[in-house]
Amino acid sequence: MAQDREWLQGRLLARPAGANSPAVGRLKAGRHPLGLRPGRDGLLRVPASLRLPVPLLIILHGAGGTAVQSLSLVADRAERHGVLVLAPESEGSTWDVIRPGYGPDVSHIDRALGRIFASFEVDAERIAVGGFSDGASYALSLGITNGALFRDILALSPGFTAPTQAEDAPRIFISHGTEDRVLPIDRCSRRLAPALREAGYDLDYREFAGGHVVPTKMVDAAFARFLGETG
């Protein structure tokens, strides 16, 4: 099928329906299971201060992580700024392209997006994908591949980005700890950042004193860039 071929290339097909969404804002505020597959699935978090069209962030966990863990990184800021958050879970211990090769995780995220776009009036100009560690690497890979969908990529301590053919150029935020021993900065972000700049991406790259962690100030800076505030 053509759809399967697109997923194997890391391409997401779902697109916002805008004001034509048939059941806008149907879910109540709080966390909701996606209910798309048994076992590892994911969560959707709806802010109490929902204003349409609503910004959307897809947040991706690190290796061995869960939707609850990835949501914990951004829940406070998302609530404060009225951002809808999709936190999918990888089918395996980490994301498909890292195993390697795109596949079930792309299709899972695409189906989740299709459901969200059918239920909410999502702001097409404020859709971002982000993540931590392996999730940051996957966010870079998916985000660059799907630049027509994502305006921003928020990569917190990434390891790499998969080779891809970019269709558009989303803005990119990268933060990384100078004392990271899990994904050392010298062989990860300090190589990624110059390559992305050379390729012409609008990059905000920040280093911080610390290890393989996500400081509050880095999340605040990422959200400020995503939402067009002063960061």
Protein backbone atom coordinates (compact mmCIF):
# COMPACT_ATOMS: atom_id res chain seq x y z
CA MET A 1 0.00 0.00 0.00
CA ALA A 2 1.11 3.57 -0.69
CA GLN A 3 0.46 4.46 2.95
CA ASP A 4 2.80 1.72 4.17
CA ARG A 5 5.55 2.87 1.80
CA GLU A 6 5.30 6.40 3.17
CA TRP A 7 5.54 5.15 6.76
CA LEU A 8 8.64 3.11 5.92
CA GLN A 9 10.25 6.35 4.78
CA GLY A 10 9.31 8.08 8.02
CA ARG A 11 6.58 10.20 6.46
CA LEU A 12 3.49 11.22 8.41
CA LEU A 13 0.33 11.68 6.34
CA ALA A 14 -2.15 13.15 8.84
CA ARG A 15 -2.83 16.88 8.53
CA PRO A 16 -4.88 19.35 10.61
CA ALA A 17 -8.51 19.75 9.59
CA GLY A 18 -8.64 23.28 11.04
CA ALA A 19 -12.05 24.72 11.84
CA ASN A 20 -13.63 21.86 9.86
CA SER A 21 -12.78 19.36 12.60
CA PRO A 22 -16.08 17.49 13.17
CA ALA A 23 -15.82 17.15 16.95
CA VAL A 24 -13.70 20.07 18.11
CA GLY A 25 -12.46 19.84 21.69
CA ARG A 26 -14.52 16.81 22.53
CA LEU A 27 -12.17 15.47 25.25
CA LYS A 28 -12.11 16.97 28.73
CA ALA A 29 -8.99 18.47 30.29
CA GLY A 30 -6.49 15.95 31.65
CA ARG A 31 -4.70 12.81 30.47
CA HIS A 32 -6.35 10.34 28.12
CA PRO A 33 -5.03 6.98 26.83
CA LEU A 34 -4.72 6.82 23.06
CA GLY A 35 -6.35 3.38 22.91
CA LEU A 36 -4.77 2.58 19.55
CA ARG A 37 -2.95 -0.64 20.43
CA PRO A 38 -2.57 -3.00 23.40
CA GLY A 39 0.50 -2.74 25.57
CA ARG A 40 2.71 0.23 24.83
CA ASP A 41 0.41 2.93 23.51
CA GLY A 42 0.62 6.51 24.78
CA LEU A 43 -1.27 9.45 26.22
CA LEU A 44 -2.92 12.66 25.11
CA ARG A 45 -2.91 15.57 27.53
CA VAL A 46 -5.57 18.25 27.08
CA PRO A 47 -4.94 21.59 28.84
CA ALA A 48 -7.62 23.17 31.00
CA SER A 49 -7.03 26.50 29.28
CA LEU A 50 -7.89 25.23 25.81
CA ARG A 51 -8.08 28.00 23.22
CA LEU A 52 -8.68 27.24 19.57
CA PRO A 53 -6.80 26.81 17.37
CA VAL A 54 -4.63 24.95 19.87
CA PRO A 55 -0.84 24.43 19.61
CA LEU A 56 0.26 20.78 19.54
CA LEU A 57 3.47 19.22 20.83
CA ILE A 58 4.46 15.59 20.26
CA ILE A 59 6.89 14.62 23.01
CA LEU A 60 8.98 11.44 22.70
CA HIS A 61 10.49 9.48 25.60
CA GLY A 62 14.04 8.19 25.88
CA ALA A 63 15.10 4.54 25.58
CA GLY A 64 13.04 2.34 27.90
CA GLY A 65 10.83 5.29 28.78
CA THR A 66 7.07 5.78 28.97
CA ALA A 67 4.47 8.36 28.03
CA VAL A 68 4.14 9.36 31.69
CA GLN A 69 7.86 10.12 31.86
CA SER A 70 7.89 12.22 28.71
CA LEU A 71 4.76 14.12 29.78
CA SER A 72 6.38 14.95 33.11
CA LEU A 73 9.04 16.95 31.26
CA VAL A 74 6.55 19.35 29.68
CA ALA A 75 3.20 19.11 31.51
CA ASP A 76 3.59 22.29 33.58
CA ARG A 77 4.60 24.45 30.62
CA ALA A 78 1.97 22.90 28.38
CA GLU A 79 -0.73 23.69 30.92
CA ARG A 80 0.56 27.20 31.42
CA HIS A 81 0.58 27.92 27.69
CA GLY A 82 -2.51 25.92 26.68
CA VAL A 83 -0.63 23.37 24.57
CA LEU A 84 -2.12 20.01 23.57
CA VAL A 85 0.46 17.25 24.13
CA LEU A 86 0.69 13.87 22.42
CA ALA A 87 3.02 11.45 24.21
CA PRO A 88 3.19 8.22 22.17
CA GLU A 89 5.14 5.17 23.27
CA SER A 90 7.53 3.20 21.10
CA GLU A 91 6.51 -0.36 20.30
CA GLY A 92 9.87 -1.69 21.47
CA SER A 93 12.30 -0.45 24.08
CA THR A 94 13.19 2.50 21.84
CA TRP A 95 12.07 4.11 18.58
CA ASP A 96 11.97 2.16 15.33
CA VAL A 97 14.55 4.13 13.34
CA ILE A 98 17.13 3.52 16.09
CA ARG A 99 16.75 -0.27 15.73
CA PRO A 100 17.13 0.72 12.72
CA GLY A 101 14.49 1.43 10.12
CA TYR A 102 11.18 3.30 10.24
CA GLY A 103 8.07 1.22 10.73
CA PRO A 104 5.48 0.63 13.47
CA ASP A 105 6.20 3.77 15.48
CA VAL A 106 5.66 6.04 12.48
CA SER A 107 2.30 4.42 11.73
CA HIS A 108 1.31 4.61 15.41
CA ILE A 109 2.10 8.33 15.62
CA ASP A 110 0.34 9.00 12.32
CA ARG A 111 -2.84 7.28 13.51
CA ALA A 112 -2.73 9.21 16.77
CA LEU A 113 -2.33 12.47 14.86
CA GLY A 114 -5.24 11.58 12.62
CA ARG A 115 -7.46 11.11 15.66
CA ILE A 116 -6.29 14.38 17.24
CA PHE A 117 -6.78 16.38 14.05
CA ALA A 118 -10.30 14.99 13.75
CA SER A 119 -11.12 16.02 17.32
CA PHE A 120 -9.43 19.39 17.79
CA GLU A 121 -8.88 22.53 15.78
CA VAL A 122 -5.07 22.39 15.82
CA ASP A 123 -3.03 25.44 14.85
CA ALA A 124 -1.17 24.28 11.72
CA GLU A 125 1.48 26.98 12.33
CA ARG A 126 2.26 25.75 15.85
CA ILE A 127 2.92 22.02 15.68
CA ALA A 128 6.19 20.76 17.16
CA VAL A 129 7.90 17.44 17.80
CA GLY A 130 10.33 17.07 20.66
CA GLY A 131 11.98 14.54 22.88
CA PHE A 132 14.77 13.59 25.25
CA SER A 133 17.77 11.35 24.49
CA ASP A 134 16.67 8.67 21.96
CA GLY A 135 13.40 10.59 21.77
CA ALA A 136 15.34 13.71 20.79
CA SER A 137 17.16 11.79 18.05
CA TYR A 138 13.82 10.50 16.79
CA ALA A 139 12.29 13.99 16.98
CA LEU A 140 15.10 15.35 14.80
CA SER A 141 14.71 12.50 12.32
CA LEU A 142 10.92 12.70 12.08
CA GLY A 143 10.84 16.48 12.26
CA ILE A 144 13.25 17.05 9.40
CA THR A 145 11.57 14.37 7.27
CA ASN A 146 8.17 15.98 7.91
CA GLY A 147 9.06 19.63 7.71
CA ALA A 148 5.76 20.43 6.00
CA LEU A 149 3.94 19.36 9.19
CA PHE A 150 6.29 20.50 11.96
CA ARG A 151 7.28 24.12 12.44
CA ASP A 152 9.60 23.35 15.35
CA ILE A 153 11.81 20.53 16.64
CA LEU A 154 12.75 20.49 20.33
CA ALA A 155 15.69 18.12 20.83
CA LEU A 156 16.86 17.68 24.42
CA SER A 157 20.22 15.84 24.53
CA PRO A 158 20.02 14.08 21.14
CA GLY A 159 22.46 11.50 19.84
CA PHE A 160 21.97 11.79 16.09
CA THR A 161 19.54 12.44 13.27
CA ALA A 162 18.78 9.75 10.72
CA PRO A 163 19.75 10.52 7.11
CA THR A 164 16.73 12.04 5.43
CA GLN A 165 15.52 14.03 2.47
CA ALA A 166 14.06 17.23 3.89
CA GLU A 167 10.95 18.71 2.30
CA ASP A 168 10.92 21.94 4.34
CA ALA A 169 13.07 23.49 7.03
CA PRO A 170 11.56 23.54 10.54
CA ARG A 171 13.24 25.58 13.25
CA ILE A 172 15.38 23.50 15.59
CA PHE A 173 16.15 23.86 19.30
CA ILE A 174 18.90 21.66 20.77
CA SER A 175 20.17 21.59 24.35
CA HIS A 176 22.88 19.30 25.74
CA GLY A 177 24.80 18.90 28.99
CA THR A 178 28.55 19.36 28.83
CA GLU A 179 29.03 16.50 31.31
CA ASP A 180 26.68 14.02 29.61
CA ARG A 181 28.18 10.52 29.87
CA VAL A 182 25.26 8.70 28.22
CA LEU A 183 25.35 10.65 24.95
CA PRO A 184 28.62 12.61 25.19
CA ILE A 185 28.26 16.11 23.81
CA ASP A 186 31.46 16.01 21.72
CA ARG A 187 30.28 13.13 19.55
CA CYS A 188 26.62 14.13 19.56
CA SER A 189 25.32 17.70 19.65
CA ARG A 190 28.67 19.36 18.96
CA ARG A 191 28.70 17.45 15.69
CA LEU A 192 25.01 17.83 14.96
CA ALA A 193 24.76 21.58 15.52
CA PRO A 194 27.40 22.68 12.96
CA ALA A 195 26.04 20.24 10.36
CA LEU A 196 22.49 21.54 10.80
CA ARG A 197 23.63 25.16 10.59
CA GLU A 198 25.63 24.40 7.46
CA ALA A 199 22.52 22.81 5.96
CA GLY A 200 20.68 26.09 6.49
CA TYR A 201 18.44 25.28 9.48
CA ASP A 202 17.34 28.01 11.88
CA LEU A 203 19.05 26.55 14.97
CA ASP A 204 19.03 27.62 18.61
CA TYR A 205 21.78 25.54 20.23
CA ARG A 206 22.40 25.70 23.98
CA GLU A 207 24.87 23.92 26.22
CA PHE A 208 24.50 23.68 29.99
CA ALA A 209 26.65 22.47 32.85
CA GLY A 210 25.27 19.04 33.73
CA GLY A 211 24.77 15.47 32.65
CA HIS A 212 22.08 13.50 30.82
CA VAL A 213 19.20 15.51 32.25
CA VAL A 214 16.62 18.12 31.22
CA PRO A 215 17.02 21.37 33.19
CA THR A 216 13.91 23.47 33.69
CA LYS A 217 15.52 26.46 31.99
CA MET A 218 16.10 24.42 28.82
CA VAL A 219 12.45 23.35 28.65
CA ASP A 220 11.39 26.96 29.20
CA ALA A 221 13.68 28.13 26.39
CA ALA A 222 12.38 25.41 24.06
CA PHE A 223 8.76 26.37 24.73
CA ALA A 224 9.52 30.08 24.28
CA ARG A 225 11.00 29.39 20.85
CA PHE A 226 8.15 27.11 19.85
CA LEU A 227 5.45 29.58 20.91
CA GLY A 228 7.21 32.67 19.59
CA GLU A 229 8.04 34.25 22.92
CA THR A 230 11.29 35.78 24.12
CA GLY A 231 13.53 32.92 25.22
